[in-house]
Amino acid sequence: MKEALPISKDQIKAIVLFLPIFKSEDFQFGHWTSEKGVFPYFTLSREAHDFYKALYDNGWIIPFDWGSWQDEAVRYVNDEKLLEEADLETLRKLLTTHVRKERFCEGHLDCMFACGHITAILERLQQLETEA
């Protein structure tokens, strides 16, 4: 597997920009669509789609065995304190895991947004950006 390059401040800024949007009271990550004869599917909002694209465009999605790391990811979803101390590598793995899981479990990203996990990751990134 190809080694991921280190994350720069510009790459952090590129996705932290979404924090105020995601924290907006009326923001919705997307919606489910049901049509007769078609299996229901999830459609990302324009902003969520832009976030998804920004993750790829800015090197946040990395090659690693995310499937075997899922139990570790669940620990960070369930424990706010653990996430509050996560380093850049861990945050990158979390974002990669959630994006990859979306491919196999449609609506996963929306669930991670709804429970506050995506916003918490961005808040932690903002904190790390400020400290750097």
C-alpha atoms as a PDB file:
ATOM      1  CA  MET A   1       0.000   0.000   0.000  1.00  0.00           C
ATOM      2  CA  LYS A   2       1.140   3.503  -0.831  1.00  0.00           C
ATOM      3  CA  GLU A   3       2.149   5.607   2.193  1.00  0.00           C
ATOM      4  CA  ALA A   4      -0.041   8.663   2.809  1.00  0.00           C
ATOM      5  CA  LEU A   5       1.685  12.035   2.730  1.00  0.00           C
ATOM      6  CA  PRO A   6       1.547  14.243   5.848  1.00  0.00           C
ATOM      7  CA  ILE A   7      -1.369  16.661   6.173  1.00  0.00           C
ATOM      8  CA  SER A   8      -0.672  20.386   5.774  1.00  0.00           C
ATOM      9  CA  LYS A   9      -2.396  23.361   7.404  1.00  0.00           C
ATOM     10  CA  ASP A  10      -4.035  24.141   4.053  1.00  0.00           C
ATOM     11  CA  GLN A  11      -5.494  20.628   3.907  1.00  0.00           C
ATOM     12  CA  ILE A  12      -6.868  21.063   7.413  1.00  0.00           C
ATOM     13  CA  LYS A  13      -8.366  24.463   6.542  1.00  0.00           C
ATOM     14  CA  ALA A  14      -9.990  23.025   3.415  1.00  0.00           C
ATOM     15  CA  ILE A  15     -12.268  20.810   5.471  1.00  0.00           C
ATOM     16  CA  VAL A  16     -12.546  22.874   8.665  1.00  0.00           C
ATOM     17  CA  LEU A  17     -14.283  25.431   6.417  1.00  0.00           C
ATOM     18  CA  PHE A  18     -17.328  23.164   6.573  1.00  0.00           C
ATOM     19  CA  LEU A  19     -17.662  23.445  10.359  1.00  0.00           C
ATOM     20  CA  PRO A  20     -19.857  26.587  10.439  1.00  0.00           C
ATOM     21  CA  ILE A  21     -22.057  25.122   7.695  1.00  0.00           C
ATOM     22  CA  PHE A  22     -22.485  21.839   9.552  1.00  0.00           C
ATOM     23  CA  LYS A  23     -23.174  23.648  12.835  1.00  0.00           C
ATOM     24  CA  SER A  24     -25.917  25.748  11.263  1.00  0.00           C
ATOM     25  CA  GLU A  25     -29.219  24.897  12.934  1.00  0.00           C
ATOM     26  CA  ASP A  26     -31.098  24.315   9.677  1.00  0.00           C
ATOM     27  CA  PHE A  27     -28.366  22.335   7.886  1.00  0.00           C
ATOM     28  CA  GLN A  28     -29.252  18.867   6.641  1.00  0.00           C
ATOM     29  CA  PHE A  29     -26.578  16.457   5.462  1.00  0.00           C
ATOM     30  CA  GLY A  30     -28.929  15.013   2.862  1.00  0.00           C
ATOM     31  CA  HIS A  31     -32.148  13.056   2.509  1.00  0.00           C
ATOM     32  CA  TRP A  32     -33.525   9.648   1.674  1.00  0.00           C
ATOM     33  CA  THR A  33     -35.396   9.266  -1.587  1.00  0.00           C
ATOM     34  CA  SER A  34     -37.988   6.579  -2.208  1.00  0.00           C
ATOM     35  CA  GLU A  35     -39.409   6.002  -5.642  1.00  0.00           C
ATOM     36  CA  LYS A  36     -41.788   3.310  -6.778  1.00  0.00           C
ATOM     37  CA  GLY A  37     -39.815   0.366  -8.142  1.00  0.00           C
ATOM     38  CA  VAL A  38     -36.475   1.735  -6.933  1.00  0.00           C
ATOM     39  CA  PHE A  39     -34.635   0.805  -3.746  1.00  0.00           C
ATOM     40  CA  PRO A  40     -34.496   3.846  -1.395  1.00  0.00           C
ATOM     41  CA  TYR A  41     -31.244   5.789  -1.679  1.00  0.00           C
ATOM     42  CA  PHE A  42     -29.529   8.600   0.174  1.00  0.00           C
ATOM     43  CA  THR A  43     -28.705  11.869  -1.581  1.00  0.00           C
ATOM     44  CA  LEU A  44     -26.096  14.176  -0.050  1.00  0.00           C
ATOM     45  CA  SER A  45     -26.919  17.874   0.187  1.00  0.00           C
ATOM     46  CA  ARG A  46     -24.786  20.139  -2.027  1.00  0.00           C
ATOM     47  CA  GLU A  47     -22.635  21.139   0.979  1.00  0.00           C
ATOM     48  CA  ALA A  48     -22.204  17.530   2.141  1.00  0.00           C
ATOM     49  CA  HIS A  49     -21.225  16.535  -1.395  1.00  0.00           C
ATOM     50  CA  ASP A  50     -18.696  19.392  -1.466  1.00  0.00           C
ATOM     51  CA  PHE A  51     -17.302  18.142   1.872  1.00  0.00           C
ATOM     52  CA  TYR A  52     -17.046  14.595   0.512  1.00  0.00           C
ATOM     53  CA  LYS A  53     -15.198  15.904  -2.548  1.00  0.00           C
ATOM     54  CA  ALA A  54     -12.930  18.120  -0.407  1.00  0.00           C
ATOM     55  CA  LEU A  55     -11.880  15.079   1.628  1.00  0.00           C
ATOM     56  CA  TYR A  56     -10.635  13.376  -1.537  1.00  0.00           C
ATOM     57  CA  ASP A  57      -9.212  16.523  -3.133  1.00  0.00           C
ATOM     58  CA  ASN A  58      -7.192  17.356  -0.020  1.00  0.00           C
ATOM     59  CA  GLY A  59      -5.674  13.959   0.731  1.00  0.00           C
ATOM     60  CA  TRP A  60      -7.825  12.996   3.714  1.00  0.00           C
ATOM     61  CA  ILE A  61      -8.875   9.647   2.265  1.00  0.00           C
ATOM     62  CA  ILE A  62      -5.922   7.299   2.559  1.00  0.00           C
ATOM     63  CA  PRO A  63      -5.208   3.690   1.615  1.00  0.00           C
ATOM     64  CA  PHE A  64      -5.254   1.498   4.718  1.00  0.00           C
ATOM     65  CA  ASP A  65      -7.139  -1.545   5.974  1.00  0.00           C
ATOM     66  CA  TRP A  66     -10.113   0.457   7.273  1.00  0.00           C
ATOM     67  CA  GLY A  67     -12.244  -2.682   7.540  1.00  0.00           C
ATOM     68  CA  SER A  68     -10.052  -4.177  10.245  1.00  0.00           C
ATOM     69  CA  TRP A  69      -9.892  -0.760  11.969  1.00  0.00           C
ATOM     70  CA  GLN A  70     -13.682  -0.367  12.329  1.00  0.00           C
ATOM     71  CA  ASP A  71     -13.774  -1.506  15.968  1.00  0.00           C
ATOM     72  CA  GLU A  72     -11.240   1.205  16.796  1.00  0.00           C
ATOM     73  CA  ALA A  73     -13.356   3.761  14.891  1.00  0.00           C
ATOM     74  CA  VAL A  74     -16.396   2.777  16.969  1.00  0.00           C
ATOM     75  CA  ARG A  75     -14.435   3.574  20.130  1.00  0.00           C
ATOM     76  CA  TYR A  76     -13.915   7.153  18.880  1.00  0.00           C
ATOM     77  CA  VAL A  77     -17.578   7.479  17.894  1.00  0.00           C
ATOM     78  CA  ASN A  78     -18.702   6.337  21.354  1.00  0.00           C
ATOM     79  CA  ASP A  79     -16.141   8.178  23.476  1.00  0.00           C
ATOM     80  CA  GLU A  80     -15.997  11.981  23.088  1.00  0.00           C
ATOM     81  CA  LYS A  81     -12.996  12.220  25.408  1.00  0.00           C
ATOM     82  CA  LEU A  82     -11.012   9.867  23.200  1.00  0.00           C
ATOM     83  CA  LEU A  83     -11.838  11.952  20.130  1.00  0.00           C
ATOM     84  CA  GLU A  84     -10.853  15.168  21.945  1.00  0.00           C
ATOM     85  CA  GLU A  85      -7.279  13.817  22.159  1.00  0.00           C
ATOM     86  CA  ALA A  86      -7.074  12.237  18.684  1.00  0.00           C
ATOM     87  CA  ASP A  87      -4.068  13.091  16.523  1.00  0.00           C
ATOM     88  CA  LEU A  88      -4.122  13.928  12.789  1.00  0.00           C
ATOM     89  CA  GLU A  89      -3.417  10.342  11.735  1.00  0.00           C
ATOM     90  CA  THR A  90      -6.345   9.040  13.772  1.00  0.00           C
ATOM     91  CA  LEU A  91      -8.682  11.735  12.435  1.00  0.00           C
ATOM     92  CA  ARG A  92      -7.603  10.868   8.919  1.00  0.00           C
ATOM     93  CA  LYS A  93      -8.306   7.192   9.557  1.00  0.00           C
ATOM     94  CA  LEU A  94     -11.722   8.050  10.982  1.00  0.00           C
ATOM     95  CA  LEU A  95     -12.672  10.143   7.963  1.00  0.00           C
ATOM     96  CA  THR A  96     -11.392   7.455   5.598  1.00  0.00           C
ATOM     97  CA  THR A  97     -13.310   4.754   7.455  1.00  0.00           C
ATOM     98  CA  HIS A  98     -16.570   6.716   7.395  1.00  0.00           C
ATOM     99  CA  VAL A  99     -16.277   7.595   3.704  1.00  0.00           C
ATOM    100  CA  ARG A 100     -15.382   4.018   2.746  1.00  0.00           C
ATOM    101  CA  LYS A 101     -18.157   2.603   4.920  1.00  0.00           C
ATOM    102  CA  GLU A 102     -20.649   4.866   3.116  1.00  0.00           C
ATOM    103  CA  ARG A 103     -19.990   2.819  -0.023  1.00  0.00           C
ATOM    104  CA  PHE A 104     -21.199  -0.347   1.712  1.00  0.00           C
ATOM    105  CA  CYS A 105     -23.757   1.132   4.089  1.00  0.00           C
ATOM    106  CA  GLU A 106     -25.600   3.974   2.386  1.00  0.00           C
ATOM    107  CA  GLY A 107     -26.490   6.730   4.847  1.00  0.00           C
ATOM    108  CA  HIS A 108     -23.561   5.991   7.164  1.00  0.00           C
ATOM    109  CA  LEU A 109     -22.107   9.497   6.762  1.00  0.00           C
ATOM    110  CA  ASP A 110     -25.496  10.990   7.564  1.00  0.00           C
ATOM    111  CA  CYS A 111     -25.667   8.887  10.752  1.00  0.00           C
ATOM    112  CA  MET A 112     -22.192  10.076  11.741  1.00  0.00           C
ATOM    113  CA  PHE A 113     -23.290  13.655  11.095  1.00  0.00           C
ATOM    114  CA  ALA A 114     -26.583  13.240  12.982  1.00  0.00           C
ATOM    115  CA  CYS A 115     -24.841  11.880  16.082  1.00  0.00           C
ATOM    116  CA  GLY A 116     -22.387  14.812  16.026  1.00  0.00           C
ATOM    117  CA  HIS A 117     -19.305  12.770  15.175  1.00  0.00           C
ATOM    118  CA  ILE A 118     -18.395  14.511  11.897  1.00  0.00           C
ATOM    119  CA  THR A 119     -18.724  17.917  13.550  1.00  0.00           C
ATOM    120  CA  ALA A 120     -16.641  16.721  16.511  1.00  0.00           C
ATOM    121  CA  ILE A 121     -13.886  15.575  14.128  1.00  0.00           C
ATOM    122  CA  LEU A 122     -13.873  19.006  12.474  1.00  0.00           C
ATOM    123  CA  GLU A 123     -13.789  20.728  15.870  1.00  0.00           C
ATOM    124  CA  ARG A 124     -10.774  18.629  16.845  1.00  0.00           C
ATOM    125  CA  LEU A 125      -9.094  19.506  13.547  1.00  0.00           C
ATOM    126  CA  GLN A 126      -9.773  23.174  14.168  1.00  0.00           C
ATOM    127  CA  GLN A 127      -8.149  22.838  17.588  1.00  0.00           C
ATOM    128  CA  LEU A 128      -5.074  21.117  16.095  1.00  0.00           C
ATOM    129  CA  GLU A 129      -4.846  23.804  13.391  1.00  0.00           C
ATOM    130  CA  THR A 130      -4.875  26.520  16.056  1.00  0.00           C
ATOM    131  CA  GLU A 131      -2.208  24.754  18.107  1.00  0.00           C
ATOM    132  CA  ALA A 132       0.134  24.281  15.133  1.00  0.00           C
END
